[in-house]
Full PDB file with SEQRES, HELIX, SHEET, SSBOND, CRYST1, ORIGX, SCALE, CONECT and MASTER records, all heavy atoms in Angstrom:
SEQRES   1 A   30  LEU ASP GLY ASP ILE GLY GLY LYS LEU ALA ARG PRO ALA          
SEQRES   2 A   30  VAL GLY LYS GLY GLY ALA ALA ILE GLY THR ALA LEU ILE          
SEQRES   3 A   30  VAL PRO GLY ASP                                              
HELIX    1 AA1 ILE A    5  ALA A   10  1                                   6    
CRYST1    1.000    1.000    1.000  90.00  90.00  90.00 P 1           1          
ORIGX1      1.000000  0.000000  0.000000        0.00000                         
ORIGX2      0.000000  1.000000  0.000000        0.00000                         
ORIGX3      0.000000  0.000000  1.000000        0.00000                         
SCALE1      1.000000  0.000000  0.000000        0.00000                         
SCALE2      0.000000  1.000000  0.000000        0.00000                         
SCALE3      0.000000  0.000000  1.000000        0.00000                         
ATOM      1  N   LEU A   1       3.310  -3.921 -19.292  1.00  0.00           N  
ATOM      2  CA  LEU A   1       2.276  -4.804 -19.808  1.00  0.00           C  
ATOM      3  C   LEU A   1       2.282  -4.665 -21.326  1.00  0.00           C  
ATOM      4  O   LEU A   1       2.117  -3.554 -21.850  1.00  0.00           O  
ATOM      5  CB  LEU A   1       0.900  -4.429 -19.259  1.00  0.00           C  
ATOM      6  CG  LEU A   1       0.600  -4.797 -17.801  1.00  0.00           C  
ATOM      7  CD1 LEU A   1      -0.698  -4.119 -17.356  1.00  0.00           C  
ATOM      8  CD2 LEU A   1       0.492  -6.300 -17.631  1.00  0.00           C  
ATOM      9  N   ASP A   2       2.480  -5.749 -22.037  1.00  0.00           N  
ATOM     10  CA  ASP A   2       2.451  -5.665 -23.501  1.00  0.00           C  
ATOM     11  C   ASP A   2       1.917  -6.968 -24.073  1.00  0.00           C  
ATOM     12  O   ASP A   2       1.663  -7.931 -23.359  1.00  0.00           O  
ATOM     13  CB  ASP A   2       3.831  -5.316 -24.072  1.00  0.00           C  
ATOM     14  CG  ASP A   2       4.918  -6.283 -23.627  1.00  0.00           C  
ATOM     15  OD1 ASP A   2       4.578  -7.361 -23.090  1.00  0.00           O  
ATOM     16  OD2 ASP A   2       6.102  -5.977 -23.796  1.00  0.00           O  
ATOM     17  N   GLY A   3       1.707  -6.937 -25.380  1.00  0.00           N  
ATOM     18  CA  GLY A   3       1.156  -8.110 -26.038  1.00  0.00           C  
ATOM     19  C   GLY A   3      -0.287  -8.341 -25.637  1.00  0.00           C  
ATOM     20  O   GLY A   3      -1.129  -7.442 -25.757  1.00  0.00           O  
ATOM     21  N   ASP A   4      -0.571  -9.524 -25.115  1.00  0.00           N  
ATOM     22  CA  ASP A   4      -1.929  -9.910 -24.725  1.00  0.00           C  
ATOM     23  C   ASP A   4      -2.265  -9.308 -23.353  1.00  0.00           C  
ATOM     24  O   ASP A   4      -2.356 -10.020 -22.346  1.00  0.00           O  
ATOM     25  CB  ASP A   4      -2.031 -11.434 -24.698  1.00  0.00           C  
ATOM     26  CG  ASP A   4      -3.429 -11.931 -24.332  1.00  0.00           C  
ATOM     27  OD1 ASP A   4      -4.385 -11.123 -24.419  1.00  0.00           O  
ATOM     28  OD2 ASP A   4      -3.548 -13.105 -23.952  1.00  0.00           O  
ATOM     29  N   ILE A   5      -2.498  -8.022 -23.310  1.00  0.00           N  
ATOM     30  CA  ILE A   5      -2.765  -7.340 -22.037  1.00  0.00           C  
ATOM     31  C   ILE A   5      -4.072  -7.836 -21.423  1.00  0.00           C  
ATOM     32  O   ILE A   5      -4.163  -8.064 -20.212  1.00  0.00           O  
ATOM     33  CB  ILE A   5      -2.795  -5.818 -22.240  1.00  0.00           C  
ATOM     34  CG1 ILE A   5      -1.374  -5.307 -22.541  1.00  0.00           C  
ATOM     35  CG2 ILE A   5      -3.368  -5.115 -21.012  1.00  0.00           C  
ATOM     36  CD1 ILE A   5      -1.281  -3.824 -22.773  1.00  0.00           C  
ATOM     37  N   GLY A   6      -5.093  -8.028 -22.240  1.00  0.00           N  
ATOM     38  CA  GLY A   6      -6.369  -8.511 -21.725  1.00  0.00           C  
ATOM     39  C   GLY A   6      -6.225  -9.863 -21.037  1.00  0.00           C  
ATOM     40  O   GLY A   6      -6.776 -10.089 -19.952  1.00  0.00           O  
ATOM     41  N   GLY A   7      -5.479 -10.775 -21.652  1.00  0.00           N  
ATOM     42  CA  GLY A   7      -5.260 -12.085 -21.065  1.00  0.00           C  
ATOM     43  C   GLY A   7      -4.462 -12.015 -19.775  1.00  0.00           C  
ATOM     44  O   GLY A   7      -4.750 -12.736 -18.815  1.00  0.00           O  
ATOM     45  N   LYS A   8      -3.473 -11.130 -19.741  1.00  0.00           N  
ATOM     46  CA  LYS A   8      -2.647 -10.999 -18.535  1.00  0.00           C  
ATOM     47  C   LYS A   8      -3.455 -10.418 -17.368  1.00  0.00           C  
ATOM     48  O   LYS A   8      -3.339 -10.879 -16.235  1.00  0.00           O  
ATOM     49  CB  LYS A   8      -1.432 -10.118 -18.834  1.00  0.00           C  
ATOM     50  CG  LYS A   8      -0.447 -10.772 -19.787  1.00  0.00           C  
ATOM     51  CD  LYS A   8       0.681  -9.827 -20.179  1.00  0.00           C  
ATOM     52  CE  LYS A   8       1.629 -10.512 -21.154  1.00  0.00           C  
ATOM     53  NZ  LYS A   8       2.717  -9.603 -21.618  1.00  0.00           N  
ATOM     54  N   LEU A   9      -4.277  -9.418 -17.647  1.00  0.00           N  
ATOM     55  CA  LEU A   9      -5.092  -8.828 -16.588  1.00  0.00           C  
ATOM     56  C   LEU A   9      -6.128  -9.804 -16.054  1.00  0.00           C  
ATOM     57  O   LEU A   9      -6.586  -9.669 -14.912  1.00  0.00           O  
ATOM     58  CB  LEU A   9      -5.787  -7.563 -17.100  1.00  0.00           C  
ATOM     59  CG  LEU A   9      -4.884  -6.345 -17.343  1.00  0.00           C  
ATOM     60  CD1 LEU A   9      -5.683  -5.218 -17.983  1.00  0.00           C  
ATOM     61  CD2 LEU A   9      -4.245  -5.867 -16.051  1.00  0.00           C  
ATOM     62  N   ALA A  10      -6.502 -10.782 -16.863  1.00  0.00           N  
ATOM     63  CA  ALA A  10      -7.493 -11.768 -16.425  1.00  0.00           C  
ATOM     64  C   ALA A  10      -6.911 -12.766 -15.424  1.00  0.00           C  
ATOM     65  O   ALA A  10      -7.659 -13.411 -14.687  1.00  0.00           O  
ATOM     66  CB  ALA A  10      -8.055 -12.518 -17.627  1.00  0.00           C  
ATOM     67  N   ARG A  11      -5.592 -12.877 -15.361  1.00  0.00           N  
ATOM     68  CA  ARG A  11      -4.969 -13.844 -14.456  1.00  0.00           C  
ATOM     69  C   ARG A  11      -5.181 -13.421 -13.003  1.00  0.00           C  
ATOM     70  O   ARG A  11      -5.036 -12.247 -12.661  1.00  0.00           O  
ATOM     71  CB  ARG A  11      -3.477 -13.953 -14.743  1.00  0.00           C  
ATOM     72  CG  ARG A  11      -3.140 -14.470 -16.136  1.00  0.00           C  
ATOM     73  CD  ARG A  11      -1.642 -14.429 -16.371  1.00  0.00           C  
ATOM     74  NE  ARG A  11      -1.299 -14.761 -17.748  1.00  0.00           N  
ATOM     75  CZ  ARG A  11      -0.072 -14.634 -18.264  1.00  0.00           C  
ATOM     76  NH1 ARG A  11       0.916 -14.205 -17.483  1.00  0.00           N  
ATOM     77  NH2 ARG A  11       0.152 -14.931 -19.517  1.00  0.00           N  
ATOM     78  N   PRO A  12      -5.490 -14.370 -12.121  1.00  0.00           N  
ATOM     79  CA  PRO A  12      -5.728 -14.035 -10.705  1.00  0.00           C  
ATOM     80  C   PRO A  12      -4.551 -13.323 -10.046  1.00  0.00           C  
ATOM     81  O   PRO A  12      -4.749 -12.441  -9.212  1.00  0.00           O  
ATOM     82  CB  PRO A  12      -5.981 -15.411 -10.068  1.00  0.00           C  
ATOM     83  CG  PRO A  12      -6.501 -16.256 -11.186  1.00  0.00           C  
ATOM     84  CD  PRO A  12      -5.765 -15.800 -12.414  1.00  0.00           C  
ATOM     85  N   ALA A  13      -3.332 -13.686 -10.411  1.00  0.00           N  
ATOM     86  CA  ALA A  13      -2.158 -13.094  -9.777  1.00  0.00           C  
ATOM     87  C   ALA A  13      -1.774 -11.744 -10.368  1.00  0.00           C  
ATOM     88  O   ALA A  13      -0.883 -11.067  -9.846  1.00  0.00           O  
ATOM     89  CB  ALA A  13      -0.965 -14.044  -9.883  1.00  0.00           C  
ATOM     90  N   VAL A  14      -2.435 -11.338 -11.444  1.00  0.00           N  
ATOM     91  CA  VAL A  14      -2.112 -10.050 -12.081  1.00  0.00           C  
ATOM     92  C   VAL A  14      -3.224  -9.037 -11.822  1.00  0.00           C  
ATOM     93  O   VAL A  14      -3.046  -8.079 -11.057  1.00  0.00           O  
ATOM     94  CB  VAL A  14      -1.875 -10.214 -13.595  1.00  0.00           C  
ATOM     95  CG1 VAL A  14      -1.542  -8.868 -14.239  1.00  0.00           C  
ATOM     96  CG2 VAL A  14      -0.741 -11.205 -13.842  1.00  0.00           C  
ATOM     97  N   GLY A  15      -4.374  -9.206 -12.459  1.00  0.00           N  
ATOM     98  CA  GLY A  15      -5.464  -8.250 -12.290  1.00  0.00           C  
ATOM     99  C   GLY A  15      -6.780  -8.861 -11.881  1.00  0.00           C  
ATOM    100  O   GLY A  15      -7.727  -8.138 -11.588  1.00  0.00           O  
ATOM    101  N   LYS A  16      -6.863 -10.202 -11.924  1.00  0.00           N  
ATOM    102  CA  LYS A  16      -8.093 -10.918 -11.553  1.00  0.00           C  
ATOM    103  C   LYS A  16      -9.302 -10.391 -12.333  1.00  0.00           C  
ATOM    104  O   LYS A  16     -10.387 -10.227 -11.800  1.00  0.00           O  
ATOM    105  CB  LYS A  16      -8.338 -10.804 -10.047  1.00  0.00           C  
ATOM    106  CG  LYS A  16      -9.224 -11.875  -9.473  1.00  0.00           C  
ATOM    107  CD  LYS A  16      -9.334 -11.729  -7.962  1.00  0.00           C  
ATOM    108  CE  LYS A  16     -10.229 -12.769  -7.363  1.00  0.00           C  
ATOM    109  NZ  LYS A  16     -10.333 -12.635  -5.879  1.00  0.00           N  
ATOM    110  N   GLY A  17      -9.062 -10.067 -13.607  1.00  0.00           N  
ATOM    111  CA  GLY A  17     -10.133  -9.576 -14.459  1.00  0.00           C  
ATOM    112  C   GLY A  17     -10.401  -8.092 -14.357  1.00  0.00           C  
ATOM    113  O   GLY A  17     -11.311  -7.573 -15.009  1.00  0.00           O  
ATOM    114  N   GLY A  18      -9.627  -7.395 -13.549  1.00  0.00           N  
ATOM    115  CA  GLY A  18      -9.816  -5.951 -13.403  1.00  0.00           C  
ATOM    116  C   GLY A  18      -9.446  -5.190 -14.662  1.00  0.00           C  
ATOM    117  O   GLY A  18      -8.600  -5.628 -15.438  1.00  0.00           O  
ATOM    118  N   ALA A  19     -10.083  -4.052 -14.852  1.00  0.00           N  
ATOM    119  CA  ALA A  19      -9.818  -3.223 -16.032  1.00  0.00           C  
ATOM    120  C   ALA A  19      -9.256  -1.865 -15.658  1.00  0.00           C  
ATOM    121  O   ALA A  19      -9.063  -1.020 -16.521  1.00  0.00           O  
ATOM    122  CB  ALA A  19     -11.096  -3.043 -16.842  1.00  0.00           C  
ATOM    123  N   ALA A  20      -9.000  -1.651 -14.371  1.00  0.00           N  
ATOM    124  CA  ALA A  20      -8.467  -0.356 -13.932  1.00  0.00           C  
ATOM    125  C   ALA A  20      -7.485  -0.587 -12.790  1.00  0.00           C  
ATOM    126  O   ALA A  20      -7.742  -1.375 -11.885  1.00  0.00           O  
ATOM    127  CB  ALA A  20      -9.594   0.565 -13.475  1.00  0.00           C  
ATOM    128  N   ILE A  21      -6.350   0.103 -12.860  1.00  0.00           N  
ATOM    129  CA  ILE A  21      -5.356   0.030 -11.798  1.00  0.00           C  
ATOM    130  C   ILE A  21      -4.989   1.452 -11.389  1.00  0.00           C  
ATOM    131  O   ILE A  21      -5.165   2.410 -12.154  1.00  0.00           O  
ATOM    132  CB  ILE A  21      -4.088  -0.736 -12.222  1.00  0.00           C  
ATOM    133  CG1 ILE A  21      -3.412  -0.049 -13.425  1.00  0.00           C  
ATOM    134  CG2 ILE A  21      -4.416  -2.183 -12.543  1.00  0.00           C  
ATOM    135  CD1 ILE A  21      -2.064  -0.657 -13.789  1.00  0.00           C  
ATOM    136  N   GLY A  22      -4.500   1.592 -10.179  1.00  0.00           N  
ATOM    137  CA  GLY A  22      -4.122   2.924  -9.703  1.00  0.00           C  
ATOM    138  C   GLY A  22      -3.019   2.846  -8.674  1.00  0.00           C  
ATOM    139  O   GLY A  22      -2.794   1.806  -8.045  1.00  0.00           O  
ATOM    140  N   THR A  23      -2.314   3.962  -8.513  1.00  0.00           N  
ATOM    141  CA  THR A  23      -1.245   4.068  -7.525  1.00  0.00           C  
ATOM    142  C   THR A  23      -1.317   5.437  -6.877  1.00  0.00           C  
ATOM    143  O   THR A  23      -1.504   6.445  -7.557  1.00  0.00           O  
ATOM    144  CB  THR A  23       0.142   3.894  -8.180  1.00  0.00           C  
ATOM    145  OG1 THR A  23       0.205   2.626  -8.821  1.00  0.00           O  
ATOM    146  CG2 THR A  23       1.250   3.976  -7.141  1.00  0.00           C  
ATOM    147  N   ALA A  24      -1.178   5.451  -5.555  1.00  0.00           N  
ATOM    148  CA  ALA A  24      -1.053   6.701  -4.819  1.00  0.00           C  
ATOM    149  C   ALA A  24       0.257   6.665  -4.047  1.00  0.00           C  
ATOM    150  O   ALA A  24       0.492   5.747  -3.260  1.00  0.00           O  
ATOM    151  CB  ALA A  24      -2.223   6.902  -3.864  1.00  0.00           C  
ATOM    152  N   LEU A  25       1.120   7.643  -4.294  1.00  0.00           N  
ATOM    153  CA  LEU A  25       2.407   7.759  -3.622  1.00  0.00           C  
ATOM    154  C   LEU A  25       2.327   8.950  -2.669  1.00  0.00           C  
ATOM    155  O   LEU A  25       2.017  10.072  -3.090  1.00  0.00           O  
ATOM    156  CB  LEU A  25       3.513   7.973  -4.652  1.00  0.00           C  
ATOM    157  CG  LEU A  25       4.931   8.225  -4.150  1.00  0.00           C  
ATOM    158  CD1 LEU A  25       5.432   7.042  -3.338  1.00  0.00           C  
ATOM    159  CD2 LEU A  25       5.862   8.487  -5.324  1.00  0.00           C  
ATOM    160  N   ILE A  26       2.597   8.700  -1.380  1.00  0.00           N  
ATOM    161  CA  ILE A  26       2.403   9.721  -0.350  1.00  0.00           C  
ATOM    162  C   ILE A  26       3.709   9.912   0.416  1.00  0.00           C  
ATOM    163  O   ILE A  26       4.234   8.962   1.006  1.00  0.00           O  
ATOM    164  CB  ILE A  26       1.285   9.300   0.628  1.00  0.00           C  
ATOM    165  CG1 ILE A  26       0.009   8.924  -0.150  1.00  0.00           C  
ATOM    166  CG2 ILE A  26       0.997  10.414   1.629  1.00  0.00           C  
ATOM    167  CD1 ILE A  26      -0.947   8.065   0.640  1.00  0.00           C  
ATOM    168  N   VAL A  27       4.239  11.143   0.386  1.00  0.00           N  
ATOM    169  CA  VAL A  27       5.488  11.457   1.078  1.00  0.00           C  
ATOM    170  C   VAL A  27       5.277  12.703   1.934  1.00  0.00           C  
ATOM    171  O   VAL A  27       4.804  13.720   1.415  1.00  0.00           O  
ATOM    172  CB  VAL A  27       6.629  11.733   0.066  1.00  0.00           C  
ATOM    173  CG1 VAL A  27       7.949  11.918   0.807  1.00  0.00           C  
ATOM    174  CG2 VAL A  27       6.737  10.612  -0.970  1.00  0.00           C  
ATOM    175  N   PRO A  28       5.564  12.674   3.230  1.00  0.00           N  
ATOM    176  CA  PRO A  28       6.007  11.494   3.982  1.00  0.00           C  
ATOM    177  C   PRO A  28       4.842  10.572   4.286  1.00  0.00           C  
ATOM    178  O   PRO A  28       3.687  10.985   4.247  1.00  0.00           O  
ATOM    179  CB  PRO A  28       6.584  12.110   5.255  1.00  0.00           C  
ATOM    180  CG  PRO A  28       5.791  13.375   5.443  1.00  0.00           C  
ATOM    181  CD  PRO A  28       5.520  13.899   4.055  1.00  0.00           C  
ATOM    182  N   GLY A  29       5.159   9.328   4.592  1.00  0.00           N  
ATOM    183  CA  GLY A  29       4.136   8.357   4.958  1.00  0.00           C  
ATOM    184  C   GLY A  29       4.661   7.450   6.050  1.00  0.00           C  
ATOM    185  O   GLY A  29       5.843   7.090   6.048  1.00  0.00           O  
ATOM    186  N   ASP A  30       3.799   7.085   6.988  1.00  0.00           N  
ATOM    187  CA  ASP A  30       4.218   6.238   8.101  1.00  0.00           C  
ATOM    188  C   ASP A  30       3.120   5.244   8.453  1.00  0.00           C  
ATOM    189  O   ASP A  30       2.056   5.202   7.814  1.00  0.00           O  
ATOM    190  CB  ASP A  30       4.594   7.090   9.326  1.00  0.00           C  
ATOM    191  CG  ASP A  30       3.474   8.030   9.756  1.00  0.00           C  
ATOM    192  OD1 ASP A  30       2.304   7.774   9.399  1.00  0.00           O  
ATOM    193  OD2 ASP A  30       3.761   9.030  10.435  1.00  0.00           O  
TER     194      ASP A  30                                                      
MASTER        0    0    0    1    0    0    0    6  193    1    0    3          
END                                                                             
């Protein structure tokens, strides 16, 4: 994410106006 990050996060297909993102990676997972 670079440049106009605020504008990109506002897009419905990107962040839909969200200001926080997260990832949980779980190994093993089924």
